[in-house]
Amino acid sequence: MLADALGRPLCFVVTAGQVGDVTQAPALLAGQEGAAVIADKAYDSNALRALIAQMGAEAVIPCNPTRKIIISHDAIAYRLRNRIERCFNRLKHFRRFATRYDRRTIHFLGFVHLASARIWMV
């Protein structure tokens, strides 16, 4: 999921449970603009950092502990990452989202869009 600076949902990609998040990051960032992309350690990859630099944004991603060459990040800007967590928390207030009752992905994604529209209206 991609969220804006106010923690409102912008874009979603539903994947299987075992798929890593970093594989879907280019699809989420396509066509987006911003001064910075804030993400957690799971998104630490050279390819993603290059894509963010190509967008003209700053990558605020802490290094994975296994990285040999440490790349510094803005610790003050990284504190704003909790806004995506708040966005997920707001979506989990909808019981249907939190428990994922829907069997089919298309039904689940439809409800995610409906819940997101509700969050944007409030």
PDB file of N, CA and C in Angstrom:
ATOM      1  N   MET A   1       0.844  -1.174   0.000  1.00  0.00           N
ATOM      2  CA  MET A   1       0.000   0.000   0.000  1.00  0.00           C
ATOM      3  C   MET A   1       0.889   1.237   0.000  1.00  0.00           C
ATOM      4  N   LEU A   2       0.408   2.250  -0.657  1.00  0.00           N
ATOM      5  CA  LEU A   2       1.079   3.540  -0.708  1.00  0.00           C
ATOM      6  C   LEU A   2       0.171   4.555  -0.037  1.00  0.00           C
ATOM      7  N   ALA A   3       0.739   5.382   0.844  1.00  0.00           N
ATOM      8  CA  ALA A   3      -0.040   6.395   1.555  1.00  0.00           C
ATOM      9  C   ALA A   3       0.614   7.760   1.340  1.00  0.00           C
ATOM     10  N   ASP A   4      -0.193   8.806   1.462  1.00  0.00           N
ATOM     11  CA  ASP A   4       0.345  10.153   1.320  1.00  0.00           C
ATOM     12  C   ASP A   4       0.907  10.647   2.647  1.00  0.00           C
ATOM     13  N   ALA A   5       1.329  11.902   2.678  1.00  0.00           N
ATOM     14  CA  ALA A   5       1.953  12.475   3.876  1.00  0.00           C
ATOM     15  C   ALA A   5       1.000  12.574   5.057  1.00  0.00           C
ATOM     16  N   LEU A   6      -0.310  12.555   4.794  1.00  0.00           N
ATOM     17  CA  LEU A   6      -1.289  12.619   5.879  1.00  0.00           C
ATOM     18  C   LEU A   6      -1.757  11.237   6.321  1.00  0.00           C
ATOM     19  N   GLY A   7      -1.189  10.192   5.750  1.00  0.00           N
ATOM     20  CA  GLY A   7      -1.557   8.837   6.138  1.00  0.00           C
ATOM     21  C   GLY A   7      -2.833   8.342   5.476  1.00  0.00           C
ATOM     22  N   ARG A   8      -3.189   8.915   4.344  1.00  0.00           N
ATOM     23  CA  ARG A   8      -4.376   8.467   3.619  1.00  0.00           C
ATOM     24  C   ARG A   8      -3.948   7.512   2.513  1.00  0.00           C
ATOM     25  N   PRO A   9      -4.686   6.442   2.284  1.00  0.00           N
ATOM     26  CA  PRO A   9      -4.287   5.453   1.276  1.00  0.00           C
ATOM     27  C   PRO A   9      -4.382   6.018  -0.140  1.00  0.00           C
ATOM     28  N   LEU A  10      -3.379   5.676  -0.947  1.00  0.00           N
ATOM     29  CA  LEU A  10      -3.344   6.135  -2.333  1.00  0.00           C
ATOM     30  C   LEU A  10      -3.434   4.987  -3.335  1.00  0.00           C
ATOM     31  N   CYS A  11      -2.707   3.907  -3.082  1.00  0.00           N
ATOM     32  CA  CYS A  11      -2.600   2.835  -4.057  1.00  0.00           C
ATOM     33  C   CYS A  11      -2.424   1.499  -3.339  1.00  0.00           C
ATOM     34  N   PHE A  12      -2.990   0.446  -3.933  1.00  0.00           N
ATOM     35  CA  PHE A  12      -2.930  -0.880  -3.320  1.00  0.00           C
ATOM     36  C   PHE A  12      -2.493  -1.914  -4.336  1.00  0.00           C
ATOM     37  N   VAL A  13      -1.770  -2.916  -3.871  1.00  0.00           N
ATOM     38  CA  VAL A  13      -1.470  -4.111  -4.654  1.00  0.00           C
ATOM     39  C   VAL A  13      -1.674  -5.288  -3.712  1.00  0.00           C
ATOM     40  N   VAL A  14      -2.550  -6.204  -4.080  1.00  0.00           N
ATOM     41  CA  VAL A  14      -2.795  -7.397  -3.267  1.00  0.00           C
ATOM     42  C   VAL A  14      -1.957  -8.533  -3.841  1.00  0.00           C
ATOM     43  N   THR A  15      -1.171  -9.164  -2.989  1.00  0.00           N
ATOM     44  CA  THR A  15      -0.306 -10.265  -3.418  1.00  0.00           C
ATOM     45  C   THR A  15      -0.562 -11.477  -2.539  1.00  0.00           C
ATOM     46  N   ALA A  16       0.054 -12.573  -2.915  1.00  0.00           N
ATOM     47  CA  ALA A  16      -0.003 -13.772  -2.084  1.00  0.00           C
ATOM     48  C   ALA A  16       0.767 -13.511  -0.793  1.00  0.00           C
ATOM     49  N   GLY A  17       0.493 -14.281   0.233  1.00  0.00           N
ATOM     50  CA  GLY A  17       1.087 -14.048   1.544  1.00  0.00           C
ATOM     51  C   GLY A  17       2.597 -14.202   1.592  1.00  0.00           C
ATOM     52  N   GLN A  18       3.163 -15.039   0.723  1.00  0.00           N
ATOM     53  CA  GLN A  18       4.595 -15.302   0.781  1.00  0.00           C
ATOM     54  C   GLN A  18       5.424 -14.379  -0.121  1.00  0.00           C
ATOM     55  N   VAL A  19       4.785 -13.466  -0.826  1.00  0.00           N
ATOM     56  CA  VAL A  19       5.496 -12.563  -1.734  1.00  0.00           C
ATOM     57  C   VAL A  19       6.083 -11.403  -0.943  1.00  0.00           C
ATOM     58  N   GLY A  20       7.343 -11.090  -1.206  1.00  0.00           N
ATOM     59  CA  GLY A  20       7.994  -9.978  -0.524  1.00  0.00           C
ATOM     60  C   GLY A  20       7.439  -8.643  -0.988  1.00  0.00           C
ATOM     61  N   ASP A  21       7.407  -7.672  -0.111  1.00  0.00           N
ATOM     62  CA  ASP A  21       6.835  -6.360  -0.420  1.00  0.00           C
ATOM     63  C   ASP A  21       7.655  -5.581  -1.441  1.00  0.00           C
ATOM     64  N   VAL A  22       8.963  -5.750  -1.408  1.00  0.00           N
ATOM     65  CA  VAL A  22       9.831  -4.944  -2.266  1.00  0.00           C
ATOM     66  C   VAL A  22       9.595  -5.247  -3.741  1.00  0.00           C
ATOM     67  N   THR A  23       9.071  -6.403  -4.071  1.00  0.00           N
ATOM     68  CA  THR A  23       8.823  -6.739  -5.476  1.00  0.00           C
ATOM     69  C   THR A  23       7.685  -5.908  -6.064  1.00  0.00           C
ATOM     70  N   GLN A  24       6.798  -5.410  -5.224  1.00  0.00           N
ATOM     71  CA  GLN A  24       5.651  -4.629  -5.692  1.00  0.00           C
ATOM     72  C   GLN A  24       5.875  -3.121  -5.603  1.00  0.00           C
ATOM     73  N   ALA A  25       6.984  -2.704  -5.033  1.00  0.00           N
ATOM     74  CA  ALA A  25       7.251  -1.272  -4.858  1.00  0.00           C
ATOM     75  C   ALA A  25       7.308  -0.501  -6.174  1.00  0.00           C
ATOM     76  N   PRO A  26       7.943  -1.008  -7.231  1.00  0.00           N
ATOM     77  CA  PRO A  26       7.939  -0.242  -8.486  1.00  0.00           C
ATOM     78  C   PRO A  26       6.533  -0.006  -9.033  1.00  0.00           C
ATOM     79  N   ALA A  27       5.639  -0.974  -8.896  1.00  0.00           N
ATOM     80  CA  ALA A  27       4.265  -0.804  -9.366  1.00  0.00           C
ATOM     81  C   ALA A  27       3.537   0.264  -8.543  1.00  0.00           C
ATOM     82  N   LEU A  28       3.811   0.316  -7.254  1.00  0.00           N
ATOM     83  CA  LEU A  28       3.170   1.312  -6.400  1.00  0.00           C
ATOM     84  C   LEU A  28       3.692   2.726  -6.671  1.00  0.00           C
ATOM     85  N   LEU A  29       4.963   2.822  -6.997  1.00  0.00           N
ATOM     86  CA  LEU A  29       5.570   4.140  -7.190  1.00  0.00           C
ATOM     87  C   LEU A  29       5.401   4.680  -8.605  1.00  0.00           C
ATOM     88  N   ALA A  30       4.925   3.867  -9.532  1.00  0.00           N
ATOM     89  CA  ALA A  30       4.779   4.303 -10.923  1.00  0.00           C
ATOM     90  C   ALA A  30       3.806   5.476 -11.011  1.00  0.00           C
ATOM     91  N   GLY A  31       4.264   6.555 -11.602  1.00  0.00           N
ATOM     92  CA  GLY A  31       3.429   7.731 -11.791  1.00  0.00           C
ATOM     93  C   GLY A  31       3.267   8.606 -10.563  1.00  0.00           C
ATOM     94  N   GLN A  32       3.965   8.314  -9.500  1.00  0.00           N
ATOM     95  CA  GLN A  32       3.854   9.105  -8.267  1.00  0.00           C
ATOM     96  C   GLN A  32       4.941  10.180  -8.235  1.00  0.00           C
ATOM     97  N   GLU A  33       4.664  11.250  -7.518  1.00  0.00           N
ATOM     98  CA  GLU A  33       5.628  12.322  -7.312  1.00  0.00           C
ATOM     99  C   GLU A  33       5.747  12.594  -5.822  1.00  0.00           C
ATOM    100  N   GLY A  34       6.893  13.071  -5.413  1.00  0.00           N
ATOM    101  CA  GLY A  34       7.082  13.417  -4.016  1.00  0.00           C
ATOM    102  C   GLY A  34       8.525  13.782  -3.752  1.00  0.00           C
ATOM    103  N   ALA A  35       8.757  14.390  -2.612  1.00  0.00           N
ATOM    104  CA  ALA A  35      10.111  14.794  -2.244  1.00  0.00           C
ATOM    105  C   ALA A  35      10.886  13.643  -1.623  1.00  0.00           C
ATOM    106  N   ALA A  36      10.171  12.702  -1.002  1.00  0.00           N
ATOM    107  CA  ALA A  36      10.835  11.586  -0.325  1.00  0.00           C
ATOM    108  C   ALA A  36       9.936  10.360  -0.352  1.00  0.00           C
ATOM    109  N   VAL A  37      10.585   9.203  -0.322  1.00  0.00           N
ATOM    110  CA  VAL A  37       9.890   7.927  -0.184  1.00  0.00           C
ATOM    111  C   VAL A  37      10.399   7.310   1.111  1.00  0.00           C
ATOM    112  N   ILE A  38       9.498   7.126   2.061  1.00  0.00           N
ATOM    113  CA  ILE A  38       9.867   6.590   3.365  1.00  0.00           C
ATOM    114  C   ILE A  38       9.404   5.144   3.432  1.00  0.00           C
ATOM    115  N   ALA A  39      10.322   4.246   3.738  1.00  0.00           N
ATOM    116  CA  ALA A  39      10.000   2.819   3.808  1.00  0.00           C
ATOM    117  C   ALA A  39      10.850   2.157   4.883  1.00  0.00           C
ATOM    118  N   ASP A  40      10.467   0.938   5.270  1.00  0.00           N
ATOM    119  CA  ASP A  40      11.232   0.237   6.299  1.00  0.00           C
ATOM    120  C   ASP A  40      12.346  -0.604   5.677  1.00  0.00           C
ATOM    121  N   LYS A  41      13.057  -1.353   6.513  1.00  0.00           N
ATOM    122  CA  LYS A  41      14.235  -2.107   6.083  1.00  0.00           C
ATOM    123  C   LYS A  41      13.934  -3.162   5.029  1.00  0.00           C
ATOM    124  N   ALA A  42      12.709  -3.628   4.965  1.00  0.00           N
ATOM    125  CA  ALA A  42      12.347  -4.647   3.982  1.00  0.00           C
ATOM    126  C   ALA A  42      12.470  -4.117   2.554  1.00  0.00           C
ATOM    127  N   TYR A  43      12.428  -2.801   2.376  1.00  0.00           N
ATOM    128  CA  TYR A  43      12.505  -2.193   1.059  1.00  0.00           C
ATOM    129  C   TYR A  43      13.918  -1.755   0.686  1.00  0.00           C
ATOM    130  N   ASP A  44      14.911  -2.170   1.435  1.00  0.00           N
ATOM    131  CA  ASP A  44      16.289  -1.778   1.173  1.00  0.00           C
ATOM    132  C   ASP A  44      16.848  -2.616   0.024  1.00  0.00           C
ATOM    133  N   SER A  45      16.822  -2.057  -1.172  1.00  0.00           N
ATOM    134  CA  SER A  45      17.445  -2.701  -2.325  1.00  0.00           C
ATOM    135  C   SER A  45      18.017  -1.625  -3.236  1.00  0.00           C
ATOM    136  N   ASN A  46      19.090  -1.975  -3.918  1.00  0.00           N
ATOM    137  CA  ASN A  46      19.723  -1.006  -4.814  1.00  0.00           C
ATOM    138  C   ASN A  46      18.801  -0.626  -5.961  1.00  0.00           C
ATOM    139  N   ALA A  47      18.034  -1.579  -6.475  1.00  0.00           N
ATOM    140  CA  ALA A  47      17.130  -1.304  -7.591  1.00  0.00           C
ATOM    141  C   ALA A  47      16.049  -0.298  -7.187  1.00  0.00           C
ATOM    142  N   LEU A  48      15.482  -0.467  -6.000  1.00  0.00           N
ATOM    143  CA  LEU A  48      14.451   0.460  -5.535  1.00  0.00           C
ATOM    144  C   LEU A  48      15.041   1.834  -5.260  1.00  0.00           C
ATOM    145  N   ARG A  49      16.225   1.879  -4.683  1.00  0.00           N
ATOM    146  CA  ARG A  49      16.877   3.171  -4.440  1.00  0.00           C
ATOM    147  C   ARG A  49      17.150   3.900  -5.761  1.00  0.00           C
ATOM    148  N   ALA A  50      17.541   3.149  -6.789  1.00  0.00           N
ATOM    149  CA  ALA A  50      17.784   3.758  -8.105  1.00  0.00           C
ATOM    150  C   ALA A  50      16.478   4.293  -8.698  1.00  0.00           C
ATOM    151  N   LEU A  51      15.390   3.553  -8.541  1.00  0.00           N
ATOM    152  CA  LEU A  51      14.086   4.003  -9.037  1.00  0.00           C
ATOM    153  C   LEU A  51      13.636   5.284  -8.330  1.00  0.00           C
ATOM    154  N   ILE A  52      13.851   5.345  -7.028  1.00  0.00           N
ATOM    155  CA  ILE A  52      13.473   6.540  -6.263  1.00  0.00           C
ATOM    156  C   ILE A  52      14.333   7.733  -6.684  1.00  0.00           C
ATOM    157  N   ALA A  53      15.624   7.511  -6.909  1.00  0.00           N
ATOM    158  CA  ALA A  53      16.498   8.591  -7.366  1.00  0.00           C
ATOM    159  C   ALA A  53      16.090   9.068  -8.757  1.00  0.00           C
ATOM    160  N   GLN A  54      15.645   8.138  -9.600  1.00  0.00           N
ATOM    161  CA  GLN A  54      15.185   8.487 -10.941  1.00  0.00           C
ATOM    162  C   GLN A  54      13.917   9.346 -10.884  1.00  0.00           C
ATOM    163  N   MET A  55      13.095   9.123  -9.846  1.00  0.00           N
ATOM    164  CA  MET A  55      11.891   9.938  -9.648  1.00  0.00           C
ATOM    165  C   MET A  55      12.235  11.344  -9.165  1.00  0.00           C
ATOM    166  N   GLY A  56      13.455  11.540  -8.690  1.00  0.00           N
ATOM    167  CA  GLY A  56      13.860  12.831  -8.146  1.00  0.00           C
ATOM    168  C   GLY A  56      13.513  12.983  -6.682  1.00  0.00           C
ATOM    169  N   ALA A  57      13.308  11.870  -6.000  1.00  0.00           N
ATOM    170  CA  ALA A  57      12.955  11.892  -4.585  1.00  0.00           C
ATOM    171  C   ALA A  57      14.110  11.331  -3.751  1.00  0.00           C
ATOM    172  N   GLU A  58      14.027  11.594  -2.464  1.00  0.00           N
ATOM    173  CA  GLU A  58      15.028  11.080  -1.528  1.00  0.00           C
ATOM    174  C   GLU A  58      14.537   9.758  -0.949  1.00  0.00           C
ATOM    175  N   ALA A  59      15.405   8.762  -0.907  1.00  0.00           N
ATOM    176  CA  ALA A  59      15.065   7.467  -0.322  1.00  0.00           C
ATOM    177  C   ALA A  59      15.383   7.496   1.169  1.00  0.00           C
ATOM    178  N   VAL A  60      14.355   7.464   1.994  1.00  0.00           N
ATOM    179  CA  VAL A  60      14.521   7.438   3.447  1.00  0.00           C
ATOM    180  C   VAL A  60      14.239   6.004   3.882  1.00  0.00           C
ATOM    181  N   ILE A  61      15.262   5.159   3.700  1.00  0.00           N
ATOM    182  CA  ILE A  61      15.142   3.728   3.981  1.00  0.00           C
ATOM    183  C   ILE A  61      16.357   3.321   4.804  1.00  0.00           C
ATOM    184  N   PRO A  62      16.159   2.826   6.021  1.00  0.00           N
ATOM    185  CA  PRO A  62      17.308   2.358   6.783  1.00  0.00           C
ATOM    186  C   PRO A  62      17.890   1.105   6.145  1.00  0.00           C
ATOM    187  N   CYS A  63      19.162   0.903   6.333  1.00  0.00           N
ATOM    188  CA  CYS A  63      19.844  -0.230   5.718  1.00  0.00           C
ATOM    189  C   CYS A  63      19.488  -1.538   6.408  1.00  0.00           C
ATOM    190  N   ASN A  64      19.406  -2.563   5.601  1.00  0.00           N
ATOM    191  CA  ASN A  64      19.252  -3.919   6.104  1.00  0.00           C
ATOM    192  C   ASN A  64      20.540  -4.280   6.852  1.00  0.00           C
ATOM    193  N   PRO A  65      20.465  -4.958   7.982  1.00  0.00           N
ATOM    194  CA  PRO A  65      21.686  -5.275   8.738  1.00  0.00           C
ATOM    195  C   PRO A  65      22.695  -6.125   7.965  1.00  0.00           C
ATOM    196  N   THR A  66      22.264  -6.803   6.925  1.00  0.00           N
ATOM    197  CA  THR A  66      23.184  -7.639   6.151  1.00  0.00           C
ATOM    198  C   THR A  66      23.901  -6.877   5.048  1.00  0.00           C
ATOM    199  N   ARG A  67      23.550  -5.618   4.847  1.00  0.00           N
ATOM    200  CA  ARG A  67      24.207  -4.819   3.798  1.00  0.00           C
ATOM    201  C   ARG A  67      25.648  -4.528   4.207  1.00  0.00           C
ATOM    202  N   LYS A  68      26.569  -4.720   3.254  1.00  0.00           N
ATOM    203  CA  LYS A  68      27.985  -4.514   3.559  1.00  0.00           C
ATOM    204  C   LYS A  68      28.359  -3.037   3.589  1.00  0.00           C
ATOM    205  N   ILE A  69      27.809  -2.266   2.675  1.00  0.00           N
ATOM    206  CA  ILE A  69      28.075  -0.834   2.644  1.00  0.00           C
ATOM    207  C   ILE A  69      26.840  -0.119   3.197  1.00  0.00           C
ATOM    208  N   ILE A  70      27.020   0.530   4.326  1.00  0.00           N
ATOM    209  CA  ILE A  70      25.906   1.202   5.000  1.00  0.00           C
ATOM    210  C   ILE A  70      25.588   2.517   4.285  1.00  0.00           C
ATOM    211  N   ILE A  71      24.305   2.720   3.994  1.00  0.00           N
ATOM    212  CA  ILE A  71      23.836   3.961   3.378  1.00  0.00           C
ATOM    213  C   ILE A  71      23.044   4.708   4.444  1.00  0.00           C
ATOM    214  N   SER A  72      23.423   5.932   4.681  1.00  0.00           N
ATOM    215  CA  SER A  72      22.753   6.698   5.740  1.00  0.00           C
ATOM    216  C   SER A  72      21.362   7.134   5.287  1.00  0.00           C
ATOM    217  N   HIS A  73      20.508   7.404   6.258  1.00  0.00           N
ATOM    218  CA  HIS A  73      19.159   7.901   5.980  1.00  0.00           C
ATOM    219  C   HIS A  73      18.831   9.010   6.973  1.00  0.00           C
ATOM    220  N   ASP A  74      17.840   9.791   6.654  1.00  0.00           N
ATOM    221  CA  ASP A  74      17.399  10.892   7.498  1.00  0.00           C
ATOM    222  C   ASP A  74      16.528  10.328   8.629  1.00  0.00           C
ATOM    223  N   ALA A  75      17.081  10.251   9.826  1.00  0.00           N
ATOM    224  CA  ALA A  75      16.368   9.648  10.959  1.00  0.00           C
ATOM    225  C   ALA A  75      15.148  10.472  11.373  1.00  0.00           C
ATOM    226  N   ILE A  76      15.216  11.768  11.200  1.00  0.00           N
ATOM    227  CA  ILE A  76      14.084  12.616  11.575  1.00  0.00           C
ATOM    228  C   ILE A  76      12.918  12.398  10.611  1.00  0.00           C
ATOM    229  N   ALA A  77      13.218  12.320   9.316  1.00  0.00           N
ATOM    230  CA  ALA A  77      12.156  12.055   8.336  1.00  0.00           C
ATOM    231  C   ALA A  77      11.616  10.639   8.489  1.00  0.00           C
ATOM    232  N   TYR A  78      12.453   9.701   8.910  1.00  0.00           N
ATOM    233  CA  TYR A  78      12.025   8.310   9.059  1.00  0.00           C
ATOM    234  C   TYR A  78      10.960   8.155  10.148  1.00  0.00           C
ATOM    235  N   ARG A  79      10.926   9.068  11.084  1.00  0.00           N
ATOM    236  CA  ARG A  79       9.910   9.016  12.139  1.00  0.00           C
ATOM    237  C   ARG A  79       8.495   9.166  11.578  1.00  0.00           C
ATOM    238  N   LEU A  80       8.375   9.750  10.415  1.00  0.00           N
ATOM    239  CA  LEU A  80       7.068   9.931   9.786  1.00  0.00           C
ATOM    240  C   LEU A  80       6.522   8.634   9.191  1.00  0.00           C
ATOM    241  N   ARG A  81       7.312   7.573   9.192  1.00  0.00           N
ATOM    242  CA  ARG A  81       6.878   6.299   8.628  1.00  0.00           C
ATOM    243  C   ARG A  81       5.683   5.728   9.379  1.00  0.00           C
ATOM    244  N   ASN A  82       5.466   6.158  10.593  1.00  0.00           N
ATOM    245  CA  ASN A  82       4.328   5.628  11.357  1.00  0.00           C
ATOM    246  C   ASN A  82       2.992   6.003  10.727  1.00  0.00           C
ATOM    247  N   ARG A  83       2.984   6.925   9.792  1.00  0.00           N
ATOM    248  CA  ARG A  83       1.723   7.316   9.148  1.00  0.00           C
ATOM    249  C   ARG A  83       1.146   6.192   8.303  1.00  0.00           C
ATOM    250  N   ILE A  84       2.002   5.384   7.689  1.00  0.00           N
ATOM    251  CA  ILE A  84       1.491   4.228   6.939  1.00  0.00           C
ATOM    252  C   ILE A  84       0.919   3.193   7.904  1.00  0.00           C
ATOM    253  N   GLU A  85       1.546   3.065   9.077  1.00  0.00           N
ATOM    254  CA  GLU A  85       1.020   2.138  10.087  1.00  0.00           C
ATOM    255  C   GLU A  85      -0.336   2.627  10.592  1.00  0.00           C
ATOM    256  N   ARG A  86      -0.484   3.939  10.749  1.00  0.00           N
ATOM    257  CA  ARG A  86      -1.776   4.489  11.161  1.00  0.00           C
ATOM    258  C   ARG A  86      -2.832   4.263  10.084  1.00  0.00           C
ATOM    259  N   CYS A  87      -2.414   4.334   8.842  1.00  0.00           N
ATOM    260  CA  CYS A  87      -3.342   4.097   7.734  1.00  0.00           C
ATOM    261  C   CYS A  87      -3.846   2.651   7.774  1.00  0.00           C
ATOM    262  N   PHE A  88      -2.942   1.701   7.968  1.00  0.00           N
ATOM    263  CA  PHE A  88      -3.355   0.301   8.103  1.00  0.00           C
ATOM    264  C   PHE A  88      -4.282   0.130   9.305  1.00  0.00           C
ATOM    265  N   ASN A  89      -3.975   0.810  10.389  1.00  0.00           N
ATOM    266  CA  ASN A  89      -4.809   0.709  11.593  1.00  0.00           C
ATOM    267  C   ASN A  89      -6.211   1.234  11.330  1.00  0.00           C
ATOM    268  N   ARG A  90      -6.324   2.349  10.598  1.00  0.00           N
ATOM    269  CA  ARG A  90      -7.649   2.874  10.266  1.00  0.00           C
ATOM    270  C   ARG A  90      -8.427   1.896   9.400  1.00  0.00           C
ATOM    271  N   LEU A  91      -7.731   1.246   8.473  1.00  0.00           N
ATOM    272  CA  LEU A  91      -8.406   0.261   7.630  1.00  0.00           C
ATOM    273  C   LEU A  91      -8.839  -0.961   8.435  1.00  0.00           C
ATOM    274  N   LYS A  92      -8.072  -1.308   9.449  1.00  0.00           N
ATOM    275  CA  LYS A  92      -8.413  -2.477  10.268  1.00  0.00           C
ATOM    276  C   LYS A  92      -9.600  -2.221  11.190  1.00  0.00           C
ATOM    277  N   HIS A  93     -10.041  -0.988  11.279  1.00  0.00           N
ATOM    278  CA  HIS A  93     -11.267  -0.699  12.021  1.00  0.00           C
ATOM    279  C   HIS A  93     -12.470  -1.306  11.315  1.00  0.00           C
ATOM    280  N   PHE A  94     -12.326  -1.540  10.010  1.00  0.00           N
ATOM    281  CA  PHE A  94     -13.371  -2.217   9.247  1.00  0.00           C
ATOM    282  C   PHE A  94     -13.152  -3.719   9.410  1.00  0.00           C
ATOM    283  N   ARG A  95     -14.069  -4.374  10.059  1.00  0.00           N
ATOM    284  CA  ARG A  95     -13.915  -5.784  10.403  1.00  0.00           C
ATOM    285  C   ARG A  95     -13.675  -6.658   9.168  1.00  0.00           C
ATOM    286  N   ARG A  96     -14.337  -6.320   8.094  1.00  0.00           N
ATOM    287  CA  ARG A  96     -14.197  -7.105   6.867  1.00  0.00           C
ATOM    288  C   ARG A  96     -12.768  -7.035   6.334  1.00  0.00           C
ATOM    289  N   PHE A  97     -12.090  -5.913   6.525  1.00  0.00           N
ATOM    290  CA  PHE A  97     -10.692  -5.771   6.108  1.00  0.00           C
ATOM    291  C   PHE A  97      -9.768  -6.546   7.045  1.00  0.00           C
ATOM    292  N   ALA A  98      -9.998  -6.416   8.341  1.00  0.00           N
ATOM    293  CA  ALA A  98      -9.103  -7.019   9.332  1.00  0.00           C
ATOM    294  C   ALA A  98      -9.119  -8.542   9.275  1.00  0.00           C
ATOM    295  N   THR A  99     -10.276  -9.125   9.024  1.00  0.00           N
ATOM    296  CA  THR A  99     -10.376 -10.591   9.038  1.00  0.00           C
ATOM    297  C   THR A  99     -10.329 -11.205   7.652  1.00  0.00           C
ATOM    298  N   ARG A 100     -10.463 -10.394   6.636  1.00  0.00           N
ATOM    299  CA  ARG A 100     -10.470 -10.820   5.233  1.00  0.00           C
ATOM    300  C   ARG A 100     -11.441 -11.969   4.999  1.00  0.00           C
ATOM    301  N   TYR A 101     -12.709 -11.657   5.187  1.00  0.00           N
ATOM    302  CA  TYR A 101     -13.768 -12.633   4.959  1.00  0.00           C
ATOM    303  C   TYR A 101     -13.884 -13.032   3.494  1.00  0.00           C
ATOM    304  N   ASP A 102     -13.562 -12.135   2.599  1.00  0.00           N
ATOM    305  CA  ASP A 102     -13.756 -12.387   1.174  1.00  0.00           C
ATOM    306  C   ASP A 102     -12.800 -13.451   0.663  1.00  0.00           C
ATOM    307  N   ARG A 103     -13.343 -14.397  -0.076  1.00  0.00           N
ATOM    308  CA  ARG A 103     -12.497 -15.441  -0.657  1.00  0.00           C
ATOM    309  C   ARG A 103     -11.766 -14.955  -1.887  1.00  0.00           C
ATOM    310  N   ARG A 104     -12.454 -14.169  -2.686  1.00  0.00           N
ATOM    311  CA  ARG A 104     -11.876 -13.723  -3.952  1.00  0.00           C
ATOM    312  C   ARG A 104     -11.162 -12.394  -3.766  1.00  0.00           C
ATOM    313  N   THR A 105     -10.029 -12.279  -4.422  1.00  0.00           N
ATOM    314  CA  THR A 105      -9.215 -11.075  -4.315  1.00  0.00           C
ATOM    315  C   THR A 105      -9.951  -9.848  -4.830  1.00  0.00           C
ATOM    316  N   ILE A 106     -10.695  -9.998  -5.891  1.00  0.00           N
ATOM    317  CA  ILE A 106     -11.404  -8.851  -6.473  1.00  0.00           C
ATOM    318  C   ILE A 106     -12.430  -8.288  -5.504  1.00  0.00           C
ATOM    319  N   HIS A 107     -13.092  -9.148  -4.726  1.00  0.00           N
ATOM    320  CA  HIS A 107     -14.064  -8.664  -3.742  1.00  0.00           C
ATOM    321  C   HIS A 107     -13.363  -7.944  -2.598  1.00  0.00           C
ATOM    322  N   PHE A 108     -12.241  -8.519  -2.153  1.00  0.00           N
ATOM    323  CA  PHE A 108     -11.465  -7.890  -1.085  1.00  0.00           C
ATOM    324  C   PHE A 108     -10.945  -6.528  -1.531  1.00  0.00           C
ATOM    325  N   LEU A 109     -10.399  -6.456  -2.738  1.00  0.00           N
ATOM    326  CA  LEU A 109      -9.854  -5.202  -3.240  1.00  0.00           C
ATOM    327  C   LEU A 109     -10.954  -4.159  -3.420  1.00  0.00           C
ATOM    328  N   GLY A 110     -12.131  -4.595  -3.824  1.00  0.00           N
ATOM    329  CA  GLY A 110     -13.260  -3.672  -3.938  1.00  0.00           C
ATOM    330  C   GLY A 110     -13.612  -3.056  -2.594  1.00  0.00           C
ATOM    331  N   PHE A 111     -13.612  -3.887  -1.537  1.00  0.00           N
ATOM    332  CA  PHE A 111     -13.900  -3.348  -0.217  1.00  0.00           C
ATOM    333  C   PHE A 111     -12.782  -2.431   0.267  1.00  0.00           C
ATOM    334  N   VAL A 112     -11.539  -2.755  -0.066  1.00  0.00           N
ATOM    335  CA  VAL A 112     -10.417  -1.894   0.322  1.00  0.00           C
ATOM    336  C   VAL A 112     -10.592  -0.507  -0.294  1.00  0.00           C
ATOM    337  N   HIS A 113     -11.019  -0.463  -1.538  1.00  0.00           N
ATOM    338  CA  HIS A 113     -11.250   0.839  -2.180  1.00  0.00           C
ATOM    339  C   HIS A 113     -12.411   1.581  -1.524  1.00  0.00           C
ATOM    340  N   LEU A 114     -13.444   0.860  -1.167  1.00  0.00           N
ATOM    341  CA  LEU A 114     -14.585   1.478  -0.490  1.00  0.00           C
ATOM    342  C   LEU A 114     -14.177   2.037   0.880  1.00  0.00           C
ATOM    343  N   ALA A 115     -13.430   1.254   1.652  1.00  0.00           N
ATOM    344  CA  ALA A 115     -12.965   1.705   2.966  1.00  0.00           C
ATOM    345  C   ALA A 115     -12.008   2.893   2.824  1.00  0.00           C
ATOM    346  N   SER A 116     -11.182   2.874   1.792  1.00  0.00           N
ATOM    347  CA  SER A 116     -10.243   3.985   1.561  1.00  0.00           C
ATOM    348  C   SER A 116     -10.996   5.266   1.225  1.00  0.00           C
ATOM    349  N   ALA A 117     -12.045   5.150   0.421  1.00  0.00           N
ATOM    350  CA  ALA A 117     -12.854   6.327   0.093  1.00  0.00           C
ATOM    351  C   ALA A 117     -13.478   6.890   1.354  1.00  0.00           C
ATOM    352  N   ARG A 118     -13.900   6.029   2.236  1.00  0.00           N
ATOM    353  CA  ARG A 118     -14.482   6.472   3.517  1.00  0.00           C
ATOM    354  C   ARG A 118     -13.436   7.214   4.352  1.00  0.00           C
ATOM    355  N   ILE A 119     -12.214   6.707   4.363  1.00  0.00           N
ATOM    356  CA  ILE A 119     -11.144   7.364   5.116  1.00  0.00           C
ATOM    357  C   ILE A 119     -10.857   8.757   4.523  1.00  0.00           C
ATOM    358  N   TRP A 120     -10.882   8.867   3.204  1.00  0.00           N
ATOM    359  CA  TRP A 120     -10.635  10.161   2.561  1.00  0.00           C
ATOM    360  C   TRP A 120     -11.756  11.155   2.872  1.00  0.00           C
ATOM    361  N   MET A 121     -12.976  10.673   3.076  1.00  0.00           N
ATOM    362  CA  MET A 121     -14.094  11.573   3.339  1.00  0.00           C
ATOM    363  C   MET A 121     -14.100  12.114   4.758  1.00  0.00           C
ATOM    364  N   VAL A 122     -13.525  11.403   5.690  1.00  0.00           N
ATOM    365  CA  VAL A 122     -13.575  11.810   7.101  1.00  0.00           C
ATOM    366  C   VAL A 122     -12.517  12.848   7.387  1.00  0.00           C
TER     367      VAL A 122
END
